[in-house]
Amino acid sequence: MKRKLSAFQEDIPPYSGPKAARDSYADLKQLSAIPGHIYTRPELQILPGQRRFSKVPWLVPMLELLPPTSIGHLKEWGQSTVFVLAKNYNKMVHVWESVMAITELWHLQTNTFIFPGFEATILLEELEIMLGLPRYQRGEEPTISYTVEQINSWSILAYITTRKTDLYSMTSGMHIHLLPIAQWITSQCKWKTKNYAAIAKVAAICICGIILFSESDGAISFGNLRIIDSISEGMNIGQAVLGFLYVSLTSAALGGPFYGSVIALELWMGMHIQFRTAGDLTTKCKTMLNHPLAYVGGLLHMST
């Protein structure tokens, strides 16, 4: 049954002018008015979920075995920066105090950080530049084809194996474990199978799962698996990465676990917020030497 627009108009309050709009928006920005927001919980000493961002011992040895042809595929798909971040992932130091401080300023309705006197947020264009992802071009919407057919996630894992026992060992509920996938890559590289495209696709699942879509300990969801698999088809995933990070910040701001790309958040903070290690700016800080910006700063043409 179709309803006319007039049927909804009586539910929409009339516009009361710019002053009323500013006042109502000012009320909306009150973080203390959001039930359960960590802004109102000064006793919270640790950000829930931060322990899941631990070192991944299998990641770098697996990447070092990748054939140059497979690495070339990853670069062709716009994953050069993500690959660099993955190779240096175990060296990085996450400054969780600053991550928690910025999360306390996150507003889950406006998707912005509420600073005294202004707001800020992570823009799609910034994210694509920081992570080196293919750019989303405005005006290309008519050329995008949308798939309405249900995607079979099991067919994506068929790159690795078709044995049901192996497939079930890789999954748990609605998540896929990355360690057995990395073990398959390692075996393929040692056997020199020359299955370069398949190795690159599966390697993309591992590096993007750790750097962009980290959700639980060494695992990603089936939904994010489908997003990562679309990289080889030329799809831009910047919007998905940013949306996932927004959801993560909302979860953490309400006292839930933090997930998503903490590296993207720290890159954004490092570019916009000035960190002072001491009164003397010549003092070196070992933590900042292992900040994610230390590994992509050259790619972003940033000075020391």
Protein backbone atom coordinates (compact mmCIF):
# COMPACT_ATOMS: atom_id res chain seq x y z
CA MET A 1 0.00 0.00 0.00
CA LYS A 2 1.37 3.39 -0.99
CA ARG A 3 0.99 6.44 1.21
CA LYS A 4 1.20 10.01 0.09
CA LEU A 5 3.82 12.38 1.49
CA SER A 6 1.03 14.44 3.07
CA ALA A 7 0.29 11.54 5.40
CA PHE A 8 3.68 12.07 7.09
CA GLN A 9 3.78 15.86 7.08
CA GLU A 10 1.71 16.23 10.22
CA ASP A 11 4.36 14.27 12.15
CA ILE A 12 7.16 16.64 11.11
CA PRO A 13 7.48 19.71 13.38
CA PRO A 14 7.71 23.04 11.55
CA TYR A 15 11.10 24.69 11.11
CA SER A 16 11.58 27.21 13.91
CA GLY A 17 14.47 29.18 12.46
CA PRO A 18 18.28 29.03 12.71
CA LYS A 19 18.48 29.97 16.42
CA ALA A 20 16.23 27.09 17.48
CA ALA A 21 18.18 24.75 15.22
CA ARG A 22 21.47 25.82 16.83
CA ASP A 23 20.04 25.39 20.34
CA SER A 24 18.68 21.92 19.61
CA TYR A 25 22.00 20.89 18.03
CA ALA A 26 23.86 22.20 21.08
CA ASP A 27 21.67 19.97 23.26
CA LEU A 28 22.38 17.03 20.95
CA LYS A 29 26.13 17.46 21.42
CA GLN A 30 26.01 16.93 25.20
CA LEU A 31 28.01 13.72 25.69
CA SER A 32 26.98 13.56 29.35
CA ALA A 33 23.36 13.15 28.23
CA ILE A 34 24.09 9.84 26.47
CA PRO A 35 23.30 6.90 28.80
CA GLY A 36 26.33 4.68 29.41
CA HIS A 37 28.83 6.93 27.59
CA ILE A 38 32.39 6.46 28.86
CA TYR A 39 32.64 10.28 29.04
CA THR A 40 30.68 9.94 32.29
CA ARG A 41 32.83 7.08 33.64
CA PRO A 42 36.12 8.57 34.89
CA GLU A 43 36.86 5.35 36.81
CA LEU A 44 37.37 3.44 33.55
CA GLN A 45 41.11 2.83 33.27
CA ILE A 46 41.34 0.60 30.20
CA LEU A 47 39.50 0.63 26.89
CA PRO A 48 37.45 -2.57 26.55
CA GLY A 49 38.75 -4.78 23.76
CA GLN A 50 42.22 -3.27 23.47
CA ARG A 51 43.90 -6.54 24.49
CA ARG A 52 42.77 -8.16 21.24
CA PHE A 53 45.22 -5.92 19.33
CA SER A 54 48.21 -7.97 20.39
CA LYS A 55 51.15 -9.10 18.30
CA VAL A 56 50.46 -11.59 15.51
CA PRO A 57 53.45 -13.98 15.38
CA TRP A 58 52.46 -15.67 12.11
CA LEU A 59 51.87 -12.51 10.07
CA VAL A 60 55.38 -11.32 9.12
CA PRO A 61 56.85 -14.83 8.40
CA MET A 62 53.93 -15.47 6.06
CA LEU A 63 54.37 -12.15 4.25
CA GLU A 64 58.10 -12.73 3.79
CA LEU A 65 57.33 -15.91 1.83
CA LEU A 66 54.97 -14.25 -0.65
CA PRO A 67 56.13 -14.51 -4.27
CA PRO A 68 56.87 -11.18 -6.02
CA THR A 69 54.05 -11.88 -8.48
CA SER A 70 51.52 -12.17 -5.64
CA ILE A 71 52.84 -8.97 -4.07
CA GLY A 72 52.41 -7.34 -7.48
CA HIS A 73 48.75 -8.35 -7.46
CA LEU A 74 48.28 -6.76 -4.02
CA LYS A 75 49.85 -3.53 -5.25
CA GLU A 76 47.68 -3.60 -8.35
CA TRP A 77 44.61 -3.84 -6.09
CA GLY A 78 45.67 -0.77 -4.12
CA GLN A 79 47.00 -2.56 -1.04
CA SER A 80 50.61 -1.27 -1.06
CA THR A 81 50.27 0.81 2.11
CA VAL A 82 48.25 -1.88 3.89
CA PHE A 83 50.99 -4.37 2.97
CA VAL A 84 53.68 -2.08 4.46
CA LEU A 85 51.64 -1.65 7.65
CA ALA A 86 51.15 -5.41 7.92
CA LYS A 87 54.90 -6.11 7.52
CA ASN A 88 55.62 -3.70 10.38
CA TYR A 89 52.57 -4.54 12.49
CA ASN A 90 54.50 -6.30 15.25
CA LYS A 91 56.82 -3.30 15.66
CA MET A 92 54.00 -0.81 16.18
CA VAL A 93 53.13 0.56 19.60
CA HIS A 94 49.51 1.58 20.16
CA VAL A 95 49.17 4.50 22.56
CA TRP A 96 45.94 3.36 24.18
CA GLU A 97 45.79 6.32 26.54
CA SER A 98 45.37 8.67 23.58
CA VAL A 99 42.96 6.28 21.81
CA MET A 100 40.82 6.16 24.93
CA ALA A 101 40.97 9.94 25.34
CA ILE A 102 39.72 10.52 21.77
CA THR A 103 37.06 7.82 22.17
CA GLU A 104 35.68 9.69 25.19
CA LEU A 105 34.91 12.58 22.81
CA TRP A 106 33.03 10.45 20.24
CA HIS A 107 29.36 11.26 19.71
CA LEU A 108 27.44 8.30 18.38
CA GLN A 109 24.66 10.36 16.78
CA THR A 110 26.76 12.93 14.93
CA ASN A 111 29.74 10.57 14.27
CA THR A 112 32.09 13.35 15.31
CA PHE A 113 34.59 14.06 18.08
CA ILE A 114 33.24 16.86 20.27
CA PHE A 115 36.10 19.18 21.23
CA PRO A 116 35.62 22.39 23.22
CA GLY A 117 34.52 24.89 20.59
CA PHE A 118 34.59 22.67 17.50
CA GLU A 119 33.93 19.20 16.08
CA ALA A 120 36.08 16.92 13.95
CA THR A 121 35.68 13.57 12.26
CA ILE A 122 37.55 11.16 10.02
CA LEU A 123 36.72 11.86 6.40
CA LEU A 124 36.61 9.26 3.65
CA GLU A 125 39.12 11.23 1.58
CA GLU A 126 41.55 11.31 4.50
CA LEU A 127 41.18 7.59 5.15
CA GLU A 128 41.87 6.72 1.52
CA ILE A 129 45.01 8.87 1.50
CA MET A 130 46.35 7.57 4.84
CA LEU A 131 45.82 3.91 3.96
CA GLY A 132 46.64 4.28 0.27
CA LEU A 133 43.28 2.82 -0.76
CA PRO A 134 41.81 3.36 -4.23
CA ARG A 135 39.91 6.66 -4.30
CA TYR A 136 36.14 6.79 -4.46
CA GLN A 137 35.33 9.16 -7.31
CA ARG A 138 32.28 11.34 -6.94
CA GLY A 139 29.87 11.06 -9.85
CA GLU A 140 30.63 7.41 -10.59
CA GLU A 141 27.47 6.19 -8.86
CA PRO A 142 25.58 5.37 -12.10
CA THR A 143 28.40 3.06 -13.20
CA ILE A 144 28.26 0.98 -10.01
CA SER A 145 26.47 -2.35 -10.34
CA TYR A 146 24.83 -3.76 -7.26
CA THR A 147 24.68 -7.52 -6.71
CA VAL A 148 21.32 -8.72 -5.46
CA GLU A 149 22.25 -12.38 -5.57
CA GLN A 150 23.34 -13.78 -2.22
CA ILE A 151 27.10 -14.21 -2.03
CA ASN A 152 28.31 -17.61 -0.86
CA SER A 153 31.14 -17.05 1.60
CA TRP A 154 32.09 -20.71 1.41
CA SER A 155 32.91 -20.29 -2.28
CA ILE A 156 35.45 -17.61 -1.32
CA LEU A 157 37.19 -20.05 0.99
CA ALA A 158 37.22 -22.58 -1.85
CA TYR A 159 40.46 -20.90 -2.97
CA ILE A 160 42.01 -22.70 -0.03
CA THR A 161 40.21 -26.02 0.22
CA THR A 162 36.95 -27.70 -0.68
CA ARG A 163 37.09 -30.27 2.13
CA LYS A 164 34.26 -29.62 4.55
CA THR A 165 36.31 -30.69 7.56
CA ASP A 166 38.97 -28.09 6.72
CA LEU A 167 36.38 -25.39 6.07
CA TYR A 168 34.67 -25.96 9.39
CA SER A 169 38.01 -25.87 11.23
CA MET A 170 38.60 -22.40 9.74
CA THR A 171 35.30 -21.02 10.99
CA SER A 172 33.62 -20.43 14.31
CA GLY A 173 30.04 -19.21 14.23
CA MET A 174 30.00 -16.25 11.83
CA HIS A 175 33.77 -15.69 11.93
CA ILE A 176 36.75 -16.99 9.97
CA HIS A 177 40.06 -17.70 11.72
CA LEU A 178 43.04 -16.17 9.95
CA LEU A 179 45.74 -18.52 11.27
CA PRO A 180 44.74 -21.60 9.19
CA ILE A 181 44.43 -19.31 6.16
CA ALA A 182 47.98 -18.05 6.75
CA GLN A 183 49.16 -21.64 7.14
CA TRP A 184 47.69 -22.46 3.72
CA ILE A 185 49.58 -19.50 2.19
CA THR A 186 52.82 -20.68 3.83
CA SER A 187 52.40 -24.19 2.44
CA GLN A 188 51.61 -22.89 -1.06
CA CYS A 189 54.71 -20.69 -1.05
CA LYS A 190 56.99 -23.46 0.21
CA TRP A 191 55.64 -25.88 -2.40
CA LYS A 192 56.08 -23.21 -5.09
CA THR A 193 52.71 -23.95 -6.61
CA LYS A 194 52.76 -20.78 -8.75
CA ASN A 195 49.11 -20.18 -7.88
CA TYR A 196 49.96 -16.48 -7.58
CA ALA A 197 46.52 -14.91 -7.95
CA ALA A 198 44.90 -17.22 -5.39
CA ILE A 199 47.78 -16.65 -2.97
CA ALA A 200 47.36 -12.88 -3.35
CA LYS A 201 43.60 -13.07 -2.74
CA VAL A 202 44.05 -15.12 0.40
CA ALA A 203 46.93 -12.91 1.59
CA ALA A 204 44.63 -9.90 1.19
CA ILE A 205 42.17 -11.59 3.57
CA CYS A 206 44.93 -11.85 6.19
CA ILE A 207 46.45 -8.38 5.92
CA CYS A 208 43.13 -6.55 5.57
CA GLY A 209 41.66 -8.64 8.36
CA ILE A 210 44.45 -7.50 10.70
CA ILE A 211 44.92 -3.88 9.55
CA LEU A 212 41.44 -2.79 8.41
CA PHE A 213 38.78 -5.13 9.81
CA SER A 214 40.14 -6.42 13.10
CA GLU A 215 37.13 -7.67 15.03
CA SER A 216 38.15 -10.46 17.37
CA ASP A 217 41.30 -12.37 18.24
CA GLY A 218 42.73 -13.37 14.84
CA ALA A 219 39.35 -13.63 13.12
CA ILE A 220 37.07 -11.66 10.80
CA SER A 221 33.36 -11.86 10.08
CA PHE A 222 31.82 -13.41 6.97
CA GLY A 223 30.54 -9.95 6.00
CA ASN A 224 34.01 -8.43 6.02
CA LEU A 225 35.35 -11.47 4.17
CA ARG A 226 33.05 -10.63 1.26
CA ILE A 227 34.22 -7.00 1.31
CA ILE A 228 37.90 -7.98 1.23
CA ASP A 229 37.31 -10.48 -1.56
CA SER A 230 35.85 -7.70 -3.73
CA ILE A 231 39.24 -5.92 -3.76
CA SER A 232 40.51 -8.14 -6.57
CA GLU A 233 37.44 -7.16 -8.61
CA GLY A 234 38.35 -3.47 -8.46
CA MET A 235 35.86 -2.44 -5.77
CA ASN A 236 36.72 0.46 -3.48
CA ILE A 237 36.49 -0.53 0.17
CA GLY A 238 37.24 2.83 1.81
CA GLN A 239 33.60 3.41 2.74
CA ALA A 240 33.35 -0.02 4.35
CA VAL A 241 36.55 0.54 6.36
CA LEU A 242 35.37 3.95 7.55
CA GLY A 243 31.88 2.72 8.41
CA PHE A 244 33.34 -0.19 10.37
CA LEU A 245 35.57 2.23 12.31
CA TYR A 246 32.58 4.47 13.09
CA VAL A 247 30.68 1.46 14.47
CA SER A 248 33.76 0.49 16.50
CA LEU A 249 34.03 3.96 18.06
CA THR A 250 30.34 3.90 18.93
CA SER A 251 30.75 0.50 20.57
CA ALA A 252 33.74 1.68 22.60
CA ALA A 253 32.07 4.97 23.55
CA LEU A 254 29.21 3.00 25.11
CA GLY A 255 31.58 0.77 27.09
CA GLY A 256 31.63 -2.08 24.57
CA PRO A 257 34.69 -3.60 22.87
CA PHE A 258 36.85 -1.58 20.50
CA TYR A 259 37.44 -3.17 17.11
CA GLY A 260 38.06 -1.95 13.57
CA SER A 261 41.19 -0.22 12.31
CA VAL A 262 42.89 1.29 15.33
CA ILE A 263 45.80 2.01 12.95
CA ALA A 264 43.58 4.26 10.80
CA LEU A 265 42.44 6.08 13.93
CA GLU A 266 46.01 6.60 15.14
CA LEU A 267 47.10 7.80 11.70
CA TRP A 268 44.30 10.37 11.74
CA MET A 269 45.20 11.48 15.26
CA GLY A 270 48.87 11.71 14.37
CA MET A 271 48.11 14.00 11.42
CA HIS A 272 45.72 16.31 13.28
CA ILE A 273 46.80 16.30 16.94
CA GLN A 274 50.18 17.59 18.08
CA PHE A 275 51.76 15.23 20.59
CA ARG A 276 54.31 16.69 22.99
CA THR A 277 56.60 14.21 24.70
CA ALA A 278 58.18 16.86 26.91
CA GLY A 279 58.71 20.59 27.17
CA ASP A 280 61.81 20.20 24.99
CA LEU A 281 60.63 19.17 21.52
CA THR A 282 64.10 17.76 20.72
CA THR A 283 63.53 14.95 23.23
CA LYS A 284 63.00 11.67 21.42
CA CYS A 285 60.06 9.47 22.35
CA LYS A 286 60.50 5.75 21.66
CA THR A 287 56.74 5.26 21.52
CA MET A 288 56.37 7.78 18.70
CA LEU A 289 59.25 6.15 16.81
CA ASN A 290 56.98 3.10 16.46
CA HIS A 291 53.81 5.04 15.75
CA PRO A 292 51.98 3.88 12.56
CA LEU A 293 52.91 7.22 10.96
CA ALA A 294 56.56 6.21 11.22
CA TYR A 295 55.93 3.55 8.57
CA VAL A 296 53.68 5.44 6.16
CA GLY A 297 54.97 8.97 6.72
CA GLY A 298 57.26 8.69 3.71
CA LEU A 299 54.38 7.56 1.54
CA LEU A 300 52.37 10.56 2.77
CA HIS A 301 55.35 12.89 2.14
CA MET A 302 55.49 13.90 5.80
CA SER A 303 58.64 15.24 7.42
CA THR A 304 60.23 13.66 10.49
